[in-house]
Amino acid sequence: MTIADLLDRSAAAASFREALTQFLRDGRSSQRIAFSPGCPSVKVERALTKMLVEYPRLAIESIEIRGVSGCEYFRGKLFVRTTTEERRVQFHWDCKWRAEQAGWTDWFGFPDQGRAAREFGWDCFRSWAEEEVSPIAIAIDPAALADASETQAVLA
């Protein structure tokens, strides 16, 4: 199943869907899909795919990835935001580990991490652990309240 199939089946917000479609075209960070310049877009796509697999019913508004990447790994934290909450996920994508699990070696006897990355793609996550779910604070405009007593309670 492709990331586009997962997106079609997800409850992601329309604005996130547009941002993901744009990311798939250009591989660039945006307001809704933010990641540092050191994060390769192919590895960001793998993390986004895993996120859609894990959270198909979540009305995702935006994500932020704070990660580091090496030849065989991509690890860090993923911040998944909806209008009401933020989920923090610690992740570790590791194609060398996946090759070891599959028993695949290359010509020189090393784990065939290239084959694992090609054949398993996003499914090389060594770990994916949700650390915390926290509500997003919503600012209340006292003037928008209908009852003057409610305004006084908010200001007190």
N, C-alpha and C. Protein backbone atom coordinates (compact mmCIF):
# COMPACT_ATOMS: atom_id res chain seq x y z
N MET A 1 0.84 -1.18 0.00
CA MET A 1 0.00 0.00 0.00
C MET A 1 0.89 1.25 0.00
N THR A 2 0.57 2.19 -0.85
CA THR A 2 1.38 3.40 -0.98
C THR A 2 0.95 4.45 0.03
N ILE A 3 1.78 5.48 0.17
CA ILE A 3 1.44 6.58 1.07
C ILE A 3 0.17 7.29 0.58
N ALA A 4 -0.02 7.37 -0.72
CA ALA A 4 -1.23 7.99 -1.28
C ALA A 4 -2.47 7.19 -0.89
N ASP A 5 -2.38 5.85 -0.92
CA ASP A 5 -3.50 5.00 -0.50
C ASP A 5 -3.81 5.22 0.97
N LEU A 6 -2.76 5.28 1.78
CA LEU A 6 -2.96 5.50 3.22
C LEU A 6 -3.58 6.86 3.49
N LEU A 7 -3.15 7.87 2.75
CA LEU A 7 -3.70 9.21 2.91
C LEU A 7 -5.18 9.22 2.53
N ASP A 8 -5.54 8.55 1.44
CA ASP A 8 -6.94 8.47 1.02
C ASP A 8 -7.82 7.85 2.09
N ARG A 9 -7.28 6.90 2.82
CA ARG A 9 -8.05 6.18 3.85
C ARG A 9 -7.98 6.83 5.23
N SER A 10 -7.20 7.89 5.34
CA SER A 10 -6.99 8.50 6.65
C SER A 10 -8.02 9.59 6.94
N ALA A 11 -8.06 10.00 8.20
CA ALA A 11 -8.94 11.09 8.64
C ALA A 11 -8.19 12.42 8.69
N ALA A 12 -7.03 12.49 8.05
CA ALA A 12 -6.22 13.71 8.06
C ALA A 12 -7.03 14.89 7.53
N ALA A 13 -6.75 16.06 8.07
CA ALA A 13 -7.42 17.29 7.65
C ALA A 13 -7.07 17.61 6.20
N ALA A 14 -7.96 18.31 5.53
CA ALA A 14 -7.75 18.67 4.13
C ALA A 14 -6.46 19.47 3.93
N SER A 15 -6.16 20.36 4.85
CA SER A 15 -4.94 21.17 4.72
C SER A 15 -3.69 20.30 4.82
N PHE A 16 -3.73 19.27 5.66
CA PHE A 16 -2.59 18.36 5.76
C PHE A 16 -2.48 17.51 4.50
N ARG A 17 -3.61 17.08 3.97
CA ARG A 17 -3.61 16.29 2.74
C ARG A 17 -2.94 17.07 1.60
N GLU A 18 -3.29 18.35 1.49
CA GLU A 18 -2.69 19.20 0.46
C GLU A 18 -1.18 19.33 0.68
N ALA A 19 -0.79 19.53 1.93
CA ALA A 19 0.64 19.67 2.25
C ALA A 19 1.40 18.39 1.93
N LEU A 20 0.81 17.24 2.23
CA LEU A 20 1.47 15.96 1.95
C LEU A 20 1.57 15.73 0.45
N THR A 21 0.54 16.06 -0.29
CA THR A 21 0.59 15.93 -1.74
C THR A 21 1.70 16.82 -2.31
N GLN A 22 1.82 18.04 -1.80
CA GLN A 22 2.88 18.93 -2.24
C GLN A 22 4.25 18.38 -1.86
N PHE A 23 4.38 17.85 -0.63
CA PHE A 23 5.65 17.26 -0.19
C PHE A 23 6.06 16.11 -1.11
N LEU A 24 5.11 15.29 -1.51
CA LEU A 24 5.42 14.16 -2.40
C LEU A 24 5.91 14.64 -3.76
N ARG A 25 5.51 15.85 -4.17
CA ARG A 25 5.97 16.42 -5.43
C ARG A 25 7.37 17.02 -5.31
N ASP A 26 7.59 17.78 -4.21
CA ASP A 26 8.85 18.55 -4.14
C ASP A 26 9.81 18.16 -3.02
N GLY A 27 9.36 17.35 -2.05
CA GLY A 27 10.24 16.90 -0.97
C GLY A 27 10.69 17.99 -0.01
N ARG A 28 9.96 19.10 0.00
CA ARG A 28 10.37 20.24 0.83
C ARG A 28 9.55 20.37 2.10
N SER A 29 10.20 20.92 3.11
CA SER A 29 9.54 21.24 4.37
C SER A 29 8.53 22.36 4.13
N SER A 30 7.46 22.38 4.93
CA SER A 30 6.44 23.41 4.80
C SER A 30 5.88 23.73 6.19
N GLN A 31 4.89 24.58 6.22
CA GLN A 31 4.26 24.94 7.49
C GLN A 31 3.57 23.73 8.12
N ARG A 32 2.98 22.87 7.33
CA ARG A 32 2.24 21.71 7.86
C ARG A 32 3.09 20.45 8.01
N ILE A 33 4.17 20.36 7.24
CA ILE A 33 5.10 19.23 7.33
C ILE A 33 6.49 19.83 7.48
N ALA A 34 6.90 19.98 8.73
CA ALA A 34 8.16 20.67 9.03
C ALA A 34 9.23 19.67 9.44
N PHE A 35 10.43 19.86 8.89
CA PHE A 35 11.58 19.04 9.27
C PHE A 35 12.84 19.83 8.97
N SER A 36 13.90 19.48 9.64
CA SER A 36 15.15 20.22 9.48
C SER A 36 15.83 19.86 8.16
N PRO A 37 16.71 20.75 7.67
CA PRO A 37 17.39 20.51 6.39
C PRO A 37 18.20 19.21 6.35
N GLY A 38 18.65 18.71 7.48
CA GLY A 38 19.44 17.49 7.51
C GLY A 38 18.64 16.21 7.39
N CYS A 39 17.33 16.33 7.25
CA CYS A 39 16.46 15.16 7.13
C CYS A 39 16.20 14.87 5.65
N PRO A 40 16.69 13.75 5.13
CA PRO A 40 16.44 13.42 3.71
C PRO A 40 14.95 13.20 3.46
N SER A 41 14.45 13.72 2.36
CA SER A 41 13.01 13.63 2.09
C SER A 41 12.53 12.18 1.98
N VAL A 42 13.36 11.27 1.48
CA VAL A 42 12.94 9.87 1.39
C VAL A 42 12.70 9.28 2.78
N LYS A 43 13.52 9.68 3.75
CA LYS A 43 13.34 9.17 5.12
C LYS A 43 12.18 9.87 5.81
N VAL A 44 11.96 11.14 5.49
CA VAL A 44 10.78 11.85 6.00
C VAL A 44 9.52 11.17 5.47
N GLU A 45 9.52 10.81 4.20
CA GLU A 45 8.36 10.12 3.62
C GLU A 45 8.09 8.80 4.33
N ARG A 46 9.14 8.08 4.69
CA ARG A 46 8.97 6.82 5.42
C ARG A 46 8.33 7.06 6.78
N ALA A 47 8.76 8.12 7.46
CA ALA A 47 8.18 8.45 8.76
C ALA A 47 6.72 8.87 8.61
N LEU A 48 6.41 9.62 7.57
CA LEU A 48 5.02 10.03 7.31
C LEU A 48 4.14 8.82 7.00
N THR A 49 4.69 7.88 6.25
CA THR A 49 3.95 6.66 5.94
C THR A 49 3.64 5.90 7.22
N LYS A 50 4.64 5.71 8.06
CA LYS A 50 4.43 5.01 9.33
C LYS A 50 3.40 5.73 10.18
N MET A 51 3.45 7.07 10.19
CA MET A 51 2.48 7.84 10.96
C MET A 51 1.06 7.58 10.47
N LEU A 52 0.86 7.53 9.15
CA LEU A 52 -0.48 7.26 8.61
C LEU A 52 -0.93 5.83 8.91
N VAL A 53 0.02 4.90 8.97
CA VAL A 53 -0.32 3.52 9.35
C VAL A 53 -0.75 3.47 10.82
N GLU A 54 -0.03 4.18 11.67
CA GLU A 54 -0.30 4.16 13.11
C GLU A 54 -1.54 4.97 13.50
N TYR A 55 -1.81 6.05 12.78
CA TYR A 55 -2.89 6.96 13.17
C TYR A 55 -3.88 7.22 12.03
N PRO A 56 -4.52 6.18 11.51
CA PRO A 56 -5.43 6.38 10.38
C PRO A 56 -6.69 7.18 10.74
N ARG A 57 -7.08 7.17 11.99
CA ARG A 57 -8.31 7.85 12.41
C ARG A 57 -8.07 9.21 13.05
N LEU A 58 -6.83 9.65 13.04
CA LEU A 58 -6.48 10.92 13.65
C LEU A 58 -6.60 12.05 12.62
N ALA A 59 -7.30 13.12 13.00
CA ALA A 59 -7.48 14.28 12.11
C ALA A 59 -6.23 15.15 12.14
N ILE A 60 -5.18 14.66 11.51
CA ILE A 60 -3.87 15.31 11.55
C ILE A 60 -3.93 16.66 10.84
N GLU A 61 -3.43 17.68 11.54
CA GLU A 61 -3.35 19.04 10.99
C GLU A 61 -1.93 19.34 10.51
N SER A 62 -0.94 18.90 11.31
CA SER A 62 0.45 19.17 10.95
C SER A 62 1.37 18.20 11.69
N ILE A 63 2.60 18.13 11.21
CA ILE A 63 3.61 17.32 11.88
C ILE A 63 4.93 18.09 11.85
N GLU A 64 5.76 17.74 12.80
CA GLU A 64 7.12 18.28 12.84
C GLU A 64 8.03 17.11 13.15
N ILE A 65 9.12 17.01 12.42
CA ILE A 65 10.09 15.95 12.66
C ILE A 65 11.40 16.59 13.07
N ARG A 66 11.89 16.17 14.23
CA ARG A 66 13.21 16.57 14.70
C ARG A 66 14.05 15.30 14.70
N GLY A 67 14.83 15.13 13.66
CA GLY A 67 15.56 13.89 13.52
C GLY A 67 16.97 14.06 13.02
N VAL A 68 17.71 12.97 13.12
CA VAL A 68 19.06 12.90 12.58
C VAL A 68 19.10 11.66 11.68
N SER A 69 19.93 11.76 10.65
CA SER A 69 19.98 10.69 9.67
C SER A 69 21.42 10.28 9.40
N GLY A 70 21.60 9.00 9.24
CA GLY A 70 22.88 8.44 8.82
C GLY A 70 22.61 7.50 7.67
N CYS A 71 23.61 6.81 7.24
CA CYS A 71 23.46 5.90 6.10
C CYS A 71 22.33 4.89 6.33
N GLU A 72 22.34 4.23 7.48
CA GLU A 72 21.36 3.17 7.71
C GLU A 72 20.26 3.53 8.69
N TYR A 73 20.24 4.76 9.20
CA TYR A 73 19.24 5.08 10.22
C TYR A 73 18.62 6.46 10.03
N PHE A 74 17.48 6.63 10.67
CA PHE A 74 16.80 7.91 10.79
C PHE A 74 16.07 7.84 12.12
N ARG A 75 16.45 8.69 13.05
CA ARG A 75 15.84 8.61 14.37
C ARG A 75 15.61 10.00 14.94
N GLY A 76 14.66 10.06 15.85
CA GLY A 76 14.34 11.34 16.46
C GLY A 76 12.95 11.34 17.05
N LYS A 77 12.33 12.53 17.02
CA LYS A 77 10.98 12.71 17.55
C LYS A 77 10.07 13.26 16.47
N LEU A 78 8.84 12.78 16.51
CA LEU A 78 7.80 13.22 15.60
C LEU A 78 6.71 13.85 16.45
N PHE A 79 6.28 15.04 16.08
CA PHE A 79 5.21 15.74 16.77
C PHE A 79 4.02 15.78 15.84
N VAL A 80 2.96 15.06 16.20
CA VAL A 80 1.75 14.97 15.39
C VAL A 80 0.70 15.84 16.05
N ARG A 81 0.18 16.83 15.29
CA ARG A 81 -0.77 17.78 15.87
C ARG A 81 -2.14 17.70 15.18
N THR A 82 -3.17 17.73 16.03
CA THR A 82 -4.54 17.89 15.56
C THR A 82 -5.01 19.24 16.11
N THR A 83 -6.29 19.55 15.96
CA THR A 83 -6.77 20.81 16.52
C THR A 83 -6.86 20.75 18.03
N THR A 84 -6.87 19.55 18.62
CA THR A 84 -7.07 19.44 20.06
C THR A 84 -5.91 18.83 20.83
N GLU A 85 -4.95 18.18 20.14
CA GLU A 85 -3.88 17.51 20.87
C GLU A 85 -2.59 17.44 20.07
N GLU A 86 -1.53 17.13 20.80
CA GLU A 86 -0.23 16.88 20.18
C GLU A 86 0.28 15.55 20.71
N ARG A 87 0.68 14.68 19.81
CA ARG A 87 1.27 13.39 20.17
C ARG A 87 2.75 13.46 19.87
N ARG A 88 3.56 13.00 20.84
CA ARG A 88 5.01 12.95 20.64
C ARG A 88 5.44 11.50 20.52
N VAL A 89 6.15 11.22 19.45
CA VAL A 89 6.57 9.85 19.16
C VAL A 89 8.09 9.81 18.99
N GLN A 90 8.71 8.91 19.72
CA GLN A 90 10.14 8.64 19.55
C GLN A 90 10.25 7.54 18.50
N PHE A 91 11.08 7.74 17.48
CA PHE A 91 11.17 6.73 16.41
C PHE A 91 12.63 6.43 16.07
N HIS A 92 12.81 5.25 15.48
CA HIS A 92 14.13 4.83 15.01
C HIS A 92 13.92 3.91 13.81
N TRP A 93 14.16 4.45 12.62
CA TRP A 93 14.12 3.67 11.38
C TRP A 93 15.54 3.18 11.14
N ASP A 94 15.70 1.86 10.88
CA ASP A 94 17.05 1.29 10.79
C ASP A 94 17.05 0.14 9.79
N CYS A 95 17.53 0.41 8.58
CA CYS A 95 17.53 -0.63 7.54
C CYS A 95 18.61 -1.69 7.79
N LYS A 96 19.69 -1.33 8.47
CA LYS A 96 20.73 -2.32 8.80
C LYS A 96 20.15 -3.35 9.77
N TRP A 97 19.45 -2.87 10.78
CA TRP A 97 18.79 -3.75 11.75
C TRP A 97 17.79 -4.66 11.05
N ARG A 98 17.01 -4.09 10.11
CA ARG A 98 16.00 -4.87 9.39
C ARG A 98 16.66 -5.96 8.55
N ALA A 99 17.80 -5.63 7.92
CA ALA A 99 18.53 -6.62 7.13
C ALA A 99 19.04 -7.74 8.03
N GLU A 100 19.53 -7.39 9.21
CA GLU A 100 19.98 -8.41 10.17
C GLU A 100 18.82 -9.31 10.58
N GLN A 101 17.64 -8.71 10.82
CA GLN A 101 16.46 -9.49 11.19
C GLN A 101 16.05 -10.47 10.10
N ALA A 102 16.22 -10.03 8.85
CA ALA A 102 15.86 -10.88 7.71
C ALA A 102 16.96 -11.87 7.34
N GLY A 103 18.15 -11.70 7.92
CA GLY A 103 19.27 -12.58 7.60
C GLY A 103 19.91 -12.29 6.26
N TRP A 104 19.75 -11.07 5.76
CA TRP A 104 20.29 -10.70 4.46
C TRP A 104 21.69 -10.12 4.59
N THR A 105 22.60 -10.63 3.78
CA THR A 105 23.96 -10.09 3.75
C THR A 105 24.33 -9.76 2.31
N ASP A 106 25.26 -8.83 2.18
CA ASP A 106 25.72 -8.45 0.85
C ASP A 106 26.90 -9.33 0.43
N TRP A 107 27.50 -8.98 -0.68
CA TRP A 107 28.62 -9.73 -1.23
C TRP A 107 29.78 -9.87 -0.24
N PHE A 108 29.95 -8.88 0.63
CA PHE A 108 31.07 -8.88 1.58
C PHE A 108 30.71 -9.47 2.94
N GLY A 109 29.47 -9.92 3.10
CA GLY A 109 29.03 -10.52 4.35
C GLY A 109 28.44 -9.54 5.35
N PHE A 110 28.30 -8.27 4.96
CA PHE A 110 27.68 -7.27 5.84
C PHE A 110 26.17 -7.30 5.67
N PRO A 111 25.42 -6.80 6.67
CA PRO A 111 23.96 -6.73 6.51
C PRO A 111 23.61 -5.93 5.25
N ASP A 112 22.74 -6.48 4.43
CA ASP A 112 22.37 -5.85 3.16
C ASP A 112 21.29 -4.79 3.40
N GLN A 113 21.74 -3.67 3.93
CA GLN A 113 20.81 -2.61 4.30
C GLN A 113 20.16 -1.95 3.09
N GLY A 114 20.84 -1.91 1.97
CA GLY A 114 20.25 -1.37 0.75
C GLY A 114 19.04 -2.18 0.31
N ARG A 115 19.19 -3.50 0.34
CA ARG A 115 18.07 -4.38 -0.03
C ARG A 115 16.91 -4.19 0.95
N ALA A 116 17.23 -4.11 2.24
CA ALA A 116 16.17 -3.92 3.24
C ALA A 116 15.43 -2.61 3.01
N ALA A 117 16.17 -1.54 2.73
CA ALA A 117 15.55 -0.24 2.49
C ALA A 117 14.66 -0.29 1.25
N ARG A 118 15.12 -0.96 0.20
CA ARG A 118 14.33 -1.06 -1.04
C ARG A 118 13.09 -1.92 -0.84
N GLU A 119 13.26 -3.08 -0.23
CA GLU A 119 12.16 -4.04 -0.15
C GLU A 119 11.17 -3.75 0.97
N PHE A 120 11.66 -3.22 2.10
CA PHE A 120 10.76 -2.93 3.22
C PHE A 120 10.35 -1.47 3.29
N GLY A 121 11.14 -0.57 2.69
CA GLY A 121 10.78 0.85 2.67
C GLY A 121 10.51 1.41 4.05
N TRP A 122 9.28 1.87 4.27
CA TRP A 122 8.91 2.47 5.55
C TRP A 122 8.91 1.45 6.68
N ASP A 123 8.81 0.18 6.37
CA ASP A 123 8.66 -0.85 7.40
C ASP A 123 9.99 -1.35 7.96
N CYS A 124 10.93 -0.43 8.16
CA CYS A 124 12.20 -0.75 8.81
C CYS A 124 12.30 -0.08 10.17
N PHE A 125 11.16 0.23 10.78
CA PHE A 125 11.21 0.91 12.08
C PHE A 125 11.58 -0.08 13.18
N ARG A 126 12.71 0.19 13.78
CA ARG A 126 13.19 -0.61 14.92
C ARG A 126 12.35 -0.28 16.14
N SER A 127 11.97 1.00 16.26
CA SER A 127 11.08 1.39 17.36
C SER A 127 10.22 2.57 16.94
N TRP A 128 9.03 2.59 17.53
CA TRP A 128 8.05 3.66 17.32
C TRP A 128 7.27 3.72 18.63
N ALA A 129 7.61 4.65 19.49
CA ALA A 129 7.02 4.68 20.83
C ALA A 129 6.39 6.04 21.11
N GLU A 130 5.08 6.01 21.31
CA GLU A 130 4.39 7.24 21.68
C GLU A 130 4.78 7.60 23.10
N GLU A 131 5.32 8.80 23.27
CA GLU A 131 5.79 9.24 24.58
C GLU A 131 4.73 9.97 25.37
N GLU A 132 3.96 10.81 24.69
CA GLU A 132 3.02 11.65 25.40
C GLU A 132 1.94 12.16 24.45
N VAL A 133 0.74 12.31 25.00
CA VAL A 133 -0.35 12.97 24.30
C VAL A 133 -0.75 14.13 25.19
N SER A 134 -0.69 15.34 24.67
CA SER A 134 -1.06 16.49 25.50
C SER A 134 -2.06 17.37 24.76
N PRO A 135 -3.00 17.94 25.52
CA PRO A 135 -3.99 18.83 24.89
C PRO A 135 -3.33 20.10 24.42
N ILE A 136 -3.88 20.67 23.38
CA ILE A 136 -3.40 21.95 22.87
C ILE A 136 -4.26 23.03 23.51
N ALA A 137 -3.61 23.99 24.15
CA ALA A 137 -4.33 25.07 24.82
C ALA A 137 -4.97 25.97 23.77
N ILE A 138 -6.19 26.35 24.04
CA ILE A 138 -6.92 27.23 23.14
C ILE A 138 -7.11 28.57 23.85
N ALA A 139 -6.68 29.63 23.22
CA ALA A 139 -6.84 30.96 23.81
C ALA A 139 -8.31 31.35 23.80
N ILE A 140 -8.77 31.89 24.93
CA ILE A 140 -10.16 32.33 25.04
C ILE A 140 -10.19 33.85 24.99
N ASP A 141 -11.00 34.36 24.10
CA ASP A 141 -11.19 35.80 23.98
C ASP A 141 -12.36 36.17 24.89
N PRO A 142 -12.10 36.86 26.01
CA PRO A 142 -13.18 37.20 26.95
C PRO A 142 -14.30 38.00 26.29
N ALA A 143 -14.00 38.81 25.29
CA ALA A 143 -15.02 39.62 24.63
C ALA A 143 -15.99 38.76 23.83
N ALA A 144 -15.56 37.56 23.46
CA ALA A 144 -16.42 36.68 22.67
C ALA A 144 -17.45 35.95 23.52
N LEU A 145 -17.30 35.99 24.83
CA LEU A 145 -18.26 35.32 25.70
C LEU A 145 -19.56 36.10 25.74
N ALA A 146 -20.68 35.39 25.78
CA ALA A 146 -21.99 36.03 25.69
C ALA A 146 -22.40 36.70 27.00
N ASP A 147 -22.06 36.12 28.10
CA ASP A 147 -22.52 36.58 29.41
C ASP A 147 -21.42 37.39 30.10
N ALA A 148 -21.76 38.57 30.59
CA ALA A 148 -20.79 39.43 31.27
C ALA A 148 -20.20 38.76 32.50
N SER A 149 -20.94 37.91 33.19
CA SER A 149 -20.42 37.22 34.37
C SER A 149 -19.33 36.22 33.98
N GLU A 150 -19.47 35.61 32.78
CA GLU A 150 -18.45 34.70 32.30
C GLU A 150 -17.16 35.48 31.99
N THR A 151 -17.31 36.68 31.44
CA THR A 151 -16.16 37.52 31.14
C THR A 151 -15.41 37.84 32.42
N GLN A 152 -16.12 38.19 33.47
CA GLN A 152 -15.49 38.51 34.75
C GLN A 152 -14.77 37.29 35.31
N ALA A 153 -15.35 36.09 35.14
CA ALA A 153 -14.73 34.87 35.65
C ALA A 153 -13.42 34.57 34.91
N VAL A 154 -13.40 34.82 33.60
CA VAL A 154 -12.20 34.57 32.82
C VAL A 154 -11.11 35.56 33.19
N LEU A 155 -11.49 36.84 33.40
CA LEU A 155 -10.52 37.86 33.73
C LEU A 155 -9.98 37.74 35.16
N ALA A 156 -10.76 37.12 36.04
CA ALA A 156 -10.34 37.00 37.45
C ALA A 156 -9.24 36.03 37.65
